[in-house]
């Protein structure tokens, strides 16, 4: 390889930065990033769980916060509406954490470590599990299927390394 200028030498010596390394780790779900979106989602879920029709819902917004749309609510208004809904019987529920069988905990931890190294979310492995085994979440895979998933992630890791070295 013949270098013609200082810039050519600099480009040849500097490793290429991956796009994923340049952006900070942030949740893939916008509601997780922004408290406003999370609170608005909770308000709309509460509307559905309380069985409010649109007119009743908008009247409740007007009574509590003097707005006709949840989009117009400020932070104080969103909290007031959520408090009002809780007083009327709405209670937010969270999904229970899925327990992994002890025999597979180490393999699941290995998959998560490989995903973290590659700057990818768990949903990446979930989509691989769905494509490879027709299973919604990778933590539901059987032992042999988990080993195949790890092998696929190793293959992906090698492919990324060869791409970076070029």
N, C-alpha and C. Protein backbone atom coordinates (compact mmCIF):
# COMPACT_ATOMS: atom_id res chain seq x y z
N UNK A 1 0.84 -1.16 0.00
CA UNK A 1 0.00 0.00 0.00
C UNK A 1 0.89 1.24 0.00
N UNK A 2 0.70 2.09 -0.97
CA UNK A 2 1.49 3.30 -1.09
C UNK A 2 0.70 4.47 -0.51
N UNK A 3 1.33 5.18 0.44
CA UNK A 3 0.68 6.32 1.06
C UNK A 3 1.12 7.59 0.34
N UNK A 4 0.17 8.39 -0.07
CA UNK A 4 0.48 9.58 -0.84
C UNK A 4 0.58 10.83 0.00
N UNK A 5 -0.07 10.84 1.15
CA UNK A 5 -0.06 12.06 1.94
C UNK A 5 -0.18 11.72 3.42
N UNK A 6 -0.06 12.74 4.24
CA UNK A 6 -0.22 12.58 5.68
C UNK A 6 -1.63 12.10 6.00
N UNK A 7 -2.62 12.62 5.27
CA UNK A 7 -4.02 12.22 5.51
C UNK A 7 -4.22 10.74 5.21
N UNK A 8 -3.58 10.24 4.15
CA UNK A 8 -3.68 8.82 3.84
C UNK A 8 -3.08 7.99 4.97
N UNK A 9 -1.94 8.42 5.48
CA UNK A 9 -1.29 7.70 6.57
C UNK A 9 -2.17 7.73 7.82
N UNK A 10 -2.79 8.87 8.09
CA UNK A 10 -3.64 8.99 9.26
C UNK A 10 -4.86 8.08 9.15
N UNK A 11 -5.49 8.05 7.96
CA UNK A 11 -6.65 7.20 7.75
C UNK A 11 -6.28 5.73 7.87
N UNK A 12 -5.12 5.36 7.40
CA UNK A 12 -4.70 3.96 7.46
C UNK A 12 -4.41 3.54 8.89
N UNK A 13 -3.88 4.46 9.71
CA UNK A 13 -3.51 4.11 11.08
C UNK A 13 -4.69 4.16 12.04
N UNK A 14 -5.67 5.01 11.78
CA UNK A 14 -6.79 5.18 12.72
C UNK A 14 -7.81 4.06 12.50
N UNK A 15 -8.20 3.40 13.58
CA UNK A 15 -9.24 2.38 13.44
C UNK A 15 -10.58 3.04 13.17
N UNK A 16 -11.42 2.34 12.44
CA UNK A 16 -12.73 2.86 12.14
C UNK A 16 -13.63 2.76 13.36
N UNK A 17 -14.34 3.82 13.64
CA UNK A 17 -15.27 3.81 14.77
C UNK A 17 -16.60 3.22 14.30
N UNK A 18 -17.15 2.33 15.13
CA UNK A 18 -18.45 1.75 14.81
C UNK A 18 -19.53 2.77 15.12
N UNK A 19 -20.61 2.72 14.36
CA UNK A 19 -21.70 3.64 14.62
C UNK A 19 -22.26 3.43 16.02
N UNK A 20 -22.38 2.16 16.44
CA UNK A 20 -22.96 1.89 17.76
C UNK A 20 -22.05 2.39 18.87
N UNK A 21 -20.76 2.49 18.62
CA UNK A 21 -19.84 2.98 19.65
C UNK A 21 -19.93 4.49 19.79
N UNK A 22 -20.39 5.17 18.74
CA UNK A 22 -20.46 6.62 18.77
C UNK A 22 -21.70 7.12 19.50
N UNK A 23 -22.79 6.36 19.48
CA UNK A 23 -23.98 6.84 20.16
C UNK A 23 -24.05 6.25 21.57
N UNK A 24 -24.53 7.00 22.51
CA UNK A 24 -24.62 6.48 23.88
C UNK A 24 -25.71 5.42 23.98
N UNK A 25 -25.56 4.54 24.96
CA UNK A 25 -26.58 3.53 25.18
C UNK A 25 -27.85 4.22 25.68
N UNK A 26 -28.93 3.98 24.99
CA UNK A 26 -30.19 4.54 25.44
C UNK A 26 -31.28 3.53 25.15
N UNK A 27 -32.34 3.55 25.93
CA UNK A 27 -33.40 2.58 25.73
C UNK A 27 -33.99 2.70 24.33
N UNK A 28 -34.44 1.57 23.80
CA UNK A 28 -35.01 1.57 22.47
C UNK A 28 -36.45 2.05 22.49
N UNK A 29 -37.13 1.92 23.61
CA UNK A 29 -38.50 2.35 23.73
C UNK A 29 -38.54 3.83 24.10
N UNK A 30 -39.19 4.68 23.29
CA UNK A 30 -39.21 6.11 23.60
C UNK A 30 -39.86 6.42 24.95
N UNK A 31 -40.83 5.62 25.37
CA UNK A 31 -41.50 5.87 26.65
C UNK A 31 -40.53 5.72 27.81
N UNK A 32 -39.50 4.91 27.64
CA UNK A 32 -38.52 4.73 28.72
C UNK A 32 -37.60 5.94 28.82
N UNK A 33 -37.39 6.64 27.74
CA UNK A 33 -36.50 7.79 27.73
C UNK A 33 -37.15 9.04 28.30
N UNK A 34 -38.42 9.24 28.01
CA UNK A 34 -39.09 10.49 28.31
C UNK A 34 -40.18 10.27 29.35
N UNK A 35 -40.08 10.91 30.53
CA UNK A 35 -41.12 10.73 31.54
C UNK A 35 -42.50 11.21 31.06
N UNK A 36 -42.53 12.21 30.19
CA UNK A 36 -43.81 12.69 29.66
C UNK A 36 -44.52 11.58 28.91
N UNK A 37 -43.79 10.90 28.02
CA UNK A 37 -44.40 9.81 27.27
C UNK A 37 -44.87 8.69 28.18
N UNK A 38 -44.06 8.38 29.21
CA UNK A 38 -44.42 7.32 30.15
C UNK A 38 -45.71 7.69 30.89
N UNK A 39 -45.82 8.95 31.34
CA UNK A 39 -47.01 9.38 32.06
C UNK A 39 -48.23 9.44 31.15
N UNK A 40 -48.05 9.90 29.91
CA UNK A 40 -49.18 9.92 28.97
C UNK A 40 -49.65 8.50 28.66
N UNK A 41 -48.71 7.58 28.53
CA UNK A 41 -49.09 6.18 28.30
C UNK A 41 -49.88 5.65 29.48
N UNK A 42 -49.45 5.98 30.70
CA UNK A 42 -50.16 5.53 31.90
C UNK A 42 -51.57 6.13 31.94
N UNK A 43 -51.72 7.37 31.53
CA UNK A 43 -53.04 8.01 31.51
C UNK A 43 -53.95 7.28 30.52
N UNK A 44 -53.45 6.97 29.34
CA UNK A 44 -54.28 6.30 28.33
C UNK A 44 -54.61 4.86 28.73
N UNK A 45 -53.67 4.20 29.39
CA UNK A 45 -53.96 2.85 29.90
C UNK A 45 -55.02 2.93 30.99
N UNK A 46 -54.92 3.94 31.85
CA UNK A 46 -55.92 4.15 32.89
C UNK A 46 -57.30 4.42 32.31
N UNK A 47 -57.35 5.20 31.25
CA UNK A 47 -58.61 5.49 30.57
C UNK A 47 -59.26 4.19 30.11
N UNK A 48 -58.46 3.32 29.53
CA UNK A 48 -58.98 2.06 29.02
C UNK A 48 -59.42 1.14 30.16
N UNK A 49 -58.59 1.04 31.20
CA UNK A 49 -58.91 0.14 32.32
C UNK A 49 -60.11 0.62 33.13
N UNK A 50 -60.30 1.93 33.22
CA UNK A 50 -61.46 2.46 33.93
C UNK A 50 -62.71 2.44 33.06
N UNK A 51 -62.55 2.13 31.77
CA UNK A 51 -63.69 2.02 30.86
C UNK A 51 -64.32 3.36 30.53
N UNK A 52 -63.52 4.41 30.44
CA UNK A 52 -64.04 5.74 30.15
C UNK A 52 -64.25 5.92 28.65
N UNK A 53 -65.42 6.41 28.27
CA UNK A 53 -65.61 6.76 26.87
C UNK A 53 -64.94 8.11 26.63
N UNK A 54 -64.86 8.53 25.38
CA UNK A 54 -64.10 9.72 25.03
C UNK A 54 -64.66 10.98 25.69
N UNK A 55 -65.98 11.13 25.69
CA UNK A 55 -66.58 12.34 26.26
C UNK A 55 -66.33 12.40 27.77
N UNK A 56 -66.50 11.29 28.45
CA UNK A 56 -66.28 11.24 29.90
C UNK A 56 -64.81 11.52 30.21
N UNK A 57 -63.92 10.93 29.41
CA UNK A 57 -62.48 11.12 29.59
C UNK A 57 -62.11 12.60 29.45
N UNK A 58 -62.63 13.25 28.41
CA UNK A 58 -62.31 14.66 28.19
C UNK A 58 -62.93 15.56 29.27
N UNK A 59 -64.11 15.18 29.76
CA UNK A 59 -64.71 15.93 30.88
C UNK A 59 -63.86 15.78 32.13
N UNK A 60 -63.34 14.59 32.38
CA UNK A 60 -62.47 14.36 33.53
C UNK A 60 -61.19 15.19 33.40
N UNK A 61 -60.61 15.24 32.20
CA UNK A 61 -59.42 16.07 31.98
C UNK A 61 -59.73 17.54 32.27
N UNK A 62 -60.91 17.99 31.83
CA UNK A 62 -61.28 19.38 32.05
C UNK A 62 -61.47 19.68 33.54
N UNK A 63 -62.12 18.76 34.23
CA UNK A 63 -62.37 18.95 35.65
C UNK A 63 -61.08 18.97 36.46
N UNK A 64 -60.16 18.07 36.14
CA UNK A 64 -58.94 17.93 36.93
C UNK A 64 -57.89 18.95 36.53
N UNK A 65 -57.69 19.17 35.22
CA UNK A 65 -56.54 19.98 34.78
C UNK A 65 -56.90 21.12 33.83
N UNK A 66 -58.18 21.31 33.52
CA UNK A 66 -58.62 22.38 32.64
C UNK A 66 -58.02 22.29 31.23
N UNK A 67 -57.93 21.06 30.74
CA UNK A 67 -57.51 20.83 29.35
C UNK A 67 -58.48 19.83 28.73
N UNK A 68 -58.53 19.78 27.41
CA UNK A 68 -59.41 18.83 26.72
C UNK A 68 -58.64 17.65 26.12
N UNK A 69 -57.31 17.75 26.13
CA UNK A 69 -56.49 16.69 25.55
C UNK A 69 -55.30 16.42 26.46
N UNK A 70 -54.92 15.17 26.59
CA UNK A 70 -53.77 14.81 27.43
C UNK A 70 -52.48 15.42 26.89
N UNK A 71 -52.42 15.68 25.60
CA UNK A 71 -51.23 16.28 25.01
C UNK A 71 -50.98 17.69 25.54
N UNK A 72 -52.03 18.35 26.01
CA UNK A 72 -51.89 19.71 26.53
C UNK A 72 -51.46 19.76 27.99
N UNK A 73 -51.39 18.61 28.65
CA UNK A 73 -51.05 18.57 30.07
C UNK A 73 -49.58 18.89 30.31
N UNK A 74 -49.31 19.66 31.34
CA UNK A 74 -47.93 19.85 31.78
C UNK A 74 -47.62 18.77 32.83
N UNK A 75 -46.42 18.80 33.40
CA UNK A 75 -46.01 17.76 34.33
C UNK A 75 -46.94 17.70 35.54
N UNK A 76 -47.29 18.87 36.09
CA UNK A 76 -48.18 18.90 37.25
C UNK A 76 -49.56 18.35 36.89
N UNK A 77 -50.06 18.71 35.73
CA UNK A 77 -51.36 18.23 35.28
C UNK A 77 -51.39 16.73 35.07
N UNK A 78 -50.31 16.19 34.49
CA UNK A 78 -50.26 14.73 34.27
C UNK A 78 -50.31 14.00 35.60
N UNK A 79 -49.55 14.50 36.58
CA UNK A 79 -49.55 13.85 37.91
C UNK A 79 -50.92 13.96 38.57
N UNK A 80 -51.57 15.12 38.42
CA UNK A 80 -52.90 15.31 39.01
C UNK A 80 -53.92 14.35 38.39
N UNK A 81 -53.85 14.18 37.07
CA UNK A 81 -54.77 13.27 36.39
C UNK A 81 -54.51 11.83 36.85
N UNK A 82 -53.24 11.44 36.94
CA UNK A 82 -52.93 10.08 37.40
C UNK A 82 -53.42 9.87 38.83
N UNK A 83 -53.25 10.87 39.70
CA UNK A 83 -53.74 10.76 41.08
C UNK A 83 -55.26 10.60 41.10
N UNK A 84 -55.94 11.38 40.28
CA UNK A 84 -57.40 11.30 40.20
C UNK A 84 -57.83 9.91 39.74
N UNK A 85 -57.13 9.37 38.74
CA UNK A 85 -57.47 8.04 38.24
C UNK A 85 -57.20 6.96 39.30
N UNK A 86 -56.12 7.13 40.05
CA UNK A 86 -55.82 6.17 41.12
C UNK A 86 -56.90 6.23 42.19
N UNK A 87 -57.39 7.41 42.49
CA UNK A 87 -58.45 7.56 43.48
C UNK A 87 -59.74 6.89 43.00
N UNK A 88 -59.90 6.76 41.70
CA UNK A 88 -61.10 6.13 41.12
C UNK A 88 -60.91 4.64 40.87
N UNK A 89 -59.74 4.08 41.25
CA UNK A 89 -59.57 2.63 41.16
C UNK A 89 -58.54 2.14 40.17
N UNK A 90 -57.91 3.01 39.44
CA UNK A 90 -56.87 2.58 38.50
C UNK A 90 -55.55 2.36 39.23
N UNK A 91 -54.99 1.19 39.05
CA UNK A 91 -53.67 0.90 39.62
C UNK A 91 -52.80 0.32 38.52
N UNK A 92 -51.69 0.97 38.30
CA UNK A 92 -50.76 0.52 37.27
C UNK A 92 -50.16 -0.82 37.70
N UNK A 93 -50.07 -1.72 36.79
CA UNK A 93 -49.45 -3.01 37.07
C UNK A 93 -48.23 -3.17 36.19
N UNK A 94 -47.26 -3.87 36.70
CA UNK A 94 -46.08 -4.18 35.91
C UNK A 94 -46.08 -5.66 35.59
N UNK A 95 -45.43 -5.98 34.53
CA UNK A 95 -45.33 -7.40 34.17
C UNK A 95 -44.40 -8.11 35.15
N UNK A 96 -44.76 -9.30 35.56
CA UNK A 96 -43.86 -10.02 36.45
C UNK A 96 -42.58 -10.39 35.72
N UNK A 97 -41.48 -10.35 36.44
CA UNK A 97 -40.20 -10.70 35.84
C UNK A 97 -40.18 -12.21 35.57
N UNK A 98 -39.79 -12.58 34.38
CA UNK A 98 -39.77 -13.98 33.99
C UNK A 98 -38.55 -14.65 34.62
N UNK A 99 -38.79 -15.72 35.31
CA UNK A 99 -37.70 -16.47 35.92
C UNK A 99 -37.17 -17.47 34.91
N UNK A 100 -35.87 -17.59 34.87
CA UNK A 100 -35.22 -18.53 33.98
C UNK A 100 -34.82 -19.75 34.81
N UNK A 101 -34.96 -20.92 34.23
CA UNK A 101 -34.55 -22.12 34.94
C UNK A 101 -33.07 -22.04 35.29
N UNK A 102 -32.73 -22.56 36.46
CA UNK A 102 -31.34 -22.46 36.93
C UNK A 102 -30.36 -23.09 35.94
N UNK A 103 -30.77 -24.15 35.25
CA UNK A 103 -29.87 -24.82 34.31
C UNK A 103 -29.51 -23.91 33.14
N UNK A 104 -30.39 -22.95 32.83
CA UNK A 104 -30.14 -22.08 31.68
C UNK A 104 -29.67 -20.69 32.06
N UNK A 105 -29.59 -20.37 33.34
CA UNK A 105 -29.22 -19.02 33.77
C UNK A 105 -27.87 -18.58 33.21
N UNK A 106 -26.90 -19.49 33.22
CA UNK A 106 -25.57 -19.13 32.73
C UNK A 106 -25.58 -18.84 31.23
N UNK A 107 -26.35 -19.63 30.47
CA UNK A 107 -26.42 -19.40 29.02
C UNK A 107 -27.15 -18.09 28.72
N UNK A 108 -28.20 -17.80 29.46
CA UNK A 108 -28.92 -16.54 29.27
C UNK A 108 -28.01 -15.37 29.62
N UNK A 109 -27.23 -15.52 30.69
CA UNK A 109 -26.28 -14.47 31.07
C UNK A 109 -25.23 -14.28 29.98
N UNK A 110 -24.81 -15.38 29.37
CA UNK A 110 -23.82 -15.29 28.29
C UNK A 110 -24.41 -14.56 27.08
N UNK A 111 -25.66 -14.88 26.74
CA UNK A 111 -26.31 -14.20 25.61
C UNK A 111 -26.40 -12.70 25.90
N UNK A 112 -26.82 -12.35 27.13
CA UNK A 112 -26.94 -10.93 27.47
C UNK A 112 -25.59 -10.23 27.44
N UNK A 113 -24.53 -10.92 27.87
CA UNK A 113 -23.19 -10.33 27.84
C UNK A 113 -22.75 -10.09 26.39
N UNK A 114 -23.03 -11.05 25.52
CA UNK A 114 -22.66 -10.88 24.11
C UNK A 114 -23.45 -9.72 23.48
N UNK A 115 -24.73 -9.59 23.85
CA UNK A 115 -25.53 -8.49 23.34
C UNK A 115 -25.00 -7.15 23.83
N UNK A 116 -24.62 -7.10 25.11
CA UNK A 116 -24.09 -5.86 25.67
C UNK A 116 -22.78 -5.47 24.98
N UNK A 117 -21.95 -6.46 24.71
CA UNK A 117 -20.67 -6.19 24.03
C UNK A 117 -20.91 -5.63 22.63
N UNK A 118 -21.97 -6.12 21.99
CA UNK A 118 -22.29 -5.67 20.63
C UNK A 118 -23.18 -4.42 20.63
N UNK A 119 -23.49 -3.88 21.82
CA UNK A 119 -24.36 -2.71 21.95
C UNK A 119 -25.72 -2.97 21.33
N UNK A 120 -26.30 -4.13 21.66
CA UNK A 120 -27.61 -4.48 21.12
C UNK A 120 -28.56 -4.79 22.27
N UNK A 121 -29.85 -4.50 22.11
CA UNK A 121 -30.82 -4.77 23.17
C UNK A 121 -31.24 -6.24 23.20
N UNK A 122 -31.91 -6.64 24.27
CA UNK A 122 -32.42 -8.02 24.37
C UNK A 122 -33.37 -8.35 23.23
N UNK A 123 -34.06 -7.34 22.72
CA UNK A 123 -35.01 -7.58 21.64
C UNK A 123 -34.33 -8.13 20.39
N UNK A 124 -33.02 -7.87 20.24
CA UNK A 124 -32.27 -8.43 19.11
C UNK A 124 -32.25 -9.96 19.21
N UNK A 125 -31.94 -10.47 20.43
CA UNK A 125 -31.94 -11.92 20.64
C UNK A 125 -33.35 -12.48 20.56
N UNK A 126 -34.34 -11.70 21.01
CA UNK A 126 -35.73 -12.16 20.90
C UNK A 126 -36.12 -12.35 19.44
N UNK A 127 -35.71 -11.40 18.59
CA UNK A 127 -36.06 -11.53 17.17
C UNK A 127 -35.31 -12.71 16.52
N UNK A 128 -34.07 -12.95 16.97
CA UNK A 128 -33.34 -14.12 16.46
C UNK A 128 -34.04 -15.41 16.89
N UNK A 129 -34.49 -15.47 18.15
CA UNK A 129 -35.19 -16.65 18.65
C UNK A 129 -36.48 -16.88 17.87
N UNK A 130 -37.17 -15.80 17.57
CA UNK A 130 -38.41 -15.93 16.82
C UNK A 130 -38.14 -16.43 15.40
N UNK A 131 -37.09 -15.88 14.78
CA UNK A 131 -36.76 -16.28 13.41
C UNK A 131 -36.22 -17.71 13.35
N UNK A 132 -35.38 -18.09 14.34
CA UNK A 132 -34.73 -19.40 14.30
C UNK A 132 -35.62 -20.53 14.83
N UNK A 133 -36.42 -20.24 15.90
CA UNK A 133 -37.13 -21.31 16.59
C UNK A 133 -38.62 -21.04 16.78
N UNK A 134 -39.13 -19.94 16.27
CA UNK A 134 -40.54 -19.55 16.43
C UNK A 134 -40.93 -19.43 17.90
N UNK A 135 -40.02 -18.86 18.70
CA UNK A 135 -40.26 -18.62 20.12
C UNK A 135 -40.16 -17.12 20.35
N UNK A 136 -41.13 -16.55 21.08
CA UNK A 136 -41.23 -15.10 21.24
C UNK A 136 -40.03 -14.47 21.96
N UNK A 137 -39.55 -15.09 23.05
CA UNK A 137 -38.46 -14.52 23.82
C UNK A 137 -37.34 -15.54 23.95
N UNK A 138 -36.09 -15.07 23.89
CA UNK A 138 -34.97 -16.00 23.90
C UNK A 138 -34.82 -16.71 25.25
N UNK A 139 -35.34 -16.13 26.33
CA UNK A 139 -35.21 -16.80 27.62
C UNK A 139 -36.11 -18.02 27.73
N UNK A 140 -37.04 -18.19 26.81
CA UNK A 140 -37.90 -19.37 26.80
C UNK A 140 -37.30 -20.54 26.03
N UNK A 141 -36.15 -20.33 25.42
CA UNK A 141 -35.53 -21.39 24.61
C UNK A 141 -35.07 -22.56 25.47
N UNK A 142 -35.06 -23.73 24.87
CA UNK A 142 -34.54 -24.93 25.54
C UNK A 142 -33.02 -24.88 25.51
N UNK A 143 -32.38 -25.76 26.26
CA UNK A 143 -30.92 -25.75 26.37
C UNK A 143 -30.23 -25.81 25.01
N UNK A 144 -30.61 -26.76 24.18
CA UNK A 144 -29.97 -26.91 22.87
C UNK A 144 -30.19 -25.69 21.99
N UNK A 145 -31.39 -25.11 22.07
CA UNK A 145 -31.69 -23.93 21.26
C UNK A 145 -30.86 -22.72 21.74
N UNK A 146 -30.67 -22.62 23.06
CA UNK A 146 -29.82 -21.53 23.58
C UNK A 146 -28.40 -21.66 23.06
N UNK A 147 -27.88 -22.90 23.01
CA UNK A 147 -26.53 -23.10 22.49
C UNK A 147 -26.45 -22.67 21.02
N UNK A 148 -27.49 -22.97 20.25
CA UNK A 148 -27.50 -22.56 18.84
C UNK A 148 -27.58 -21.04 18.71
N UNK A 149 -28.33 -20.41 19.60
CA UNK A 149 -28.42 -18.94 19.59
C UNK A 149 -27.06 -18.33 19.91
N UNK A 150 -26.35 -18.89 20.89
CA UNK A 150 -25.01 -18.40 21.22
C UNK A 150 -24.08 -18.57 20.02
N UNK A 151 -24.19 -19.71 19.35
CA UNK A 151 -23.37 -19.93 18.16
C UNK A 151 -23.67 -18.89 17.09
N UNK A 152 -24.94 -18.55 16.92
CA UNK A 152 -25.30 -17.53 15.93
C UNK A 152 -24.75 -16.16 16.33
N UNK A 153 -24.76 -15.86 17.63
CA UNK A 153 -24.20 -14.59 18.10
C UNK A 153 -22.68 -14.54 17.92
N UNK A 154 -22.02 -15.69 18.12
CA UNK A 154 -20.57 -15.76 17.89
C UNK A 154 -20.28 -15.51 16.42
N UNK A 155 -21.08 -16.12 15.54
CA UNK A 155 -20.93 -15.92 14.11
C UNK A 155 -21.11 -14.44 13.76
N UNK A 156 -22.13 -13.81 14.35
CA UNK A 156 -22.38 -12.39 14.13
C UNK A 156 -21.20 -11.55 14.64
N UNK A 157 -20.64 -11.93 15.78
CA UNK A 157 -19.51 -11.21 16.36
C UNK A 157 -18.30 -11.28 15.42
N UNK A 158 -18.03 -12.46 14.88
CA UNK A 158 -16.91 -12.61 13.94
C UNK A 158 -17.14 -11.79 12.68
N UNK A 159 -18.37 -11.76 12.21
CA UNK A 159 -18.69 -10.99 11.01
C UNK A 159 -18.45 -9.50 11.25
N UNK A 160 -18.85 -9.02 12.43
CA UNK A 160 -18.63 -7.61 12.75
C UNK A 160 -17.14 -7.31 12.88
N UNK A 161 -16.37 -8.23 13.45
CA UNK A 161 -14.93 -8.01 13.60
C UNK A 161 -14.24 -7.94 12.26
N UNK A 162 -14.63 -8.78 11.33
CA UNK A 162 -14.01 -8.73 10.01
C UNK A 162 -14.39 -7.45 9.28
N UNK A 163 -15.63 -6.98 9.48
CA UNK A 163 -16.06 -5.73 8.87
C UNK A 163 -15.26 -4.55 9.41
N UNK A 164 -14.98 -4.57 10.73
CA UNK A 164 -14.25 -3.47 11.35
C UNK A 164 -12.79 -3.47 10.94
N UNK A 165 -12.22 -4.64 10.70
CA UNK A 165 -10.80 -4.70 10.37
C UNK A 165 -10.52 -4.29 8.93
N UNK A 166 -11.55 -4.23 8.11
CA UNK A 166 -11.33 -3.88 6.70
C UNK A 166 -11.22 -2.39 6.53
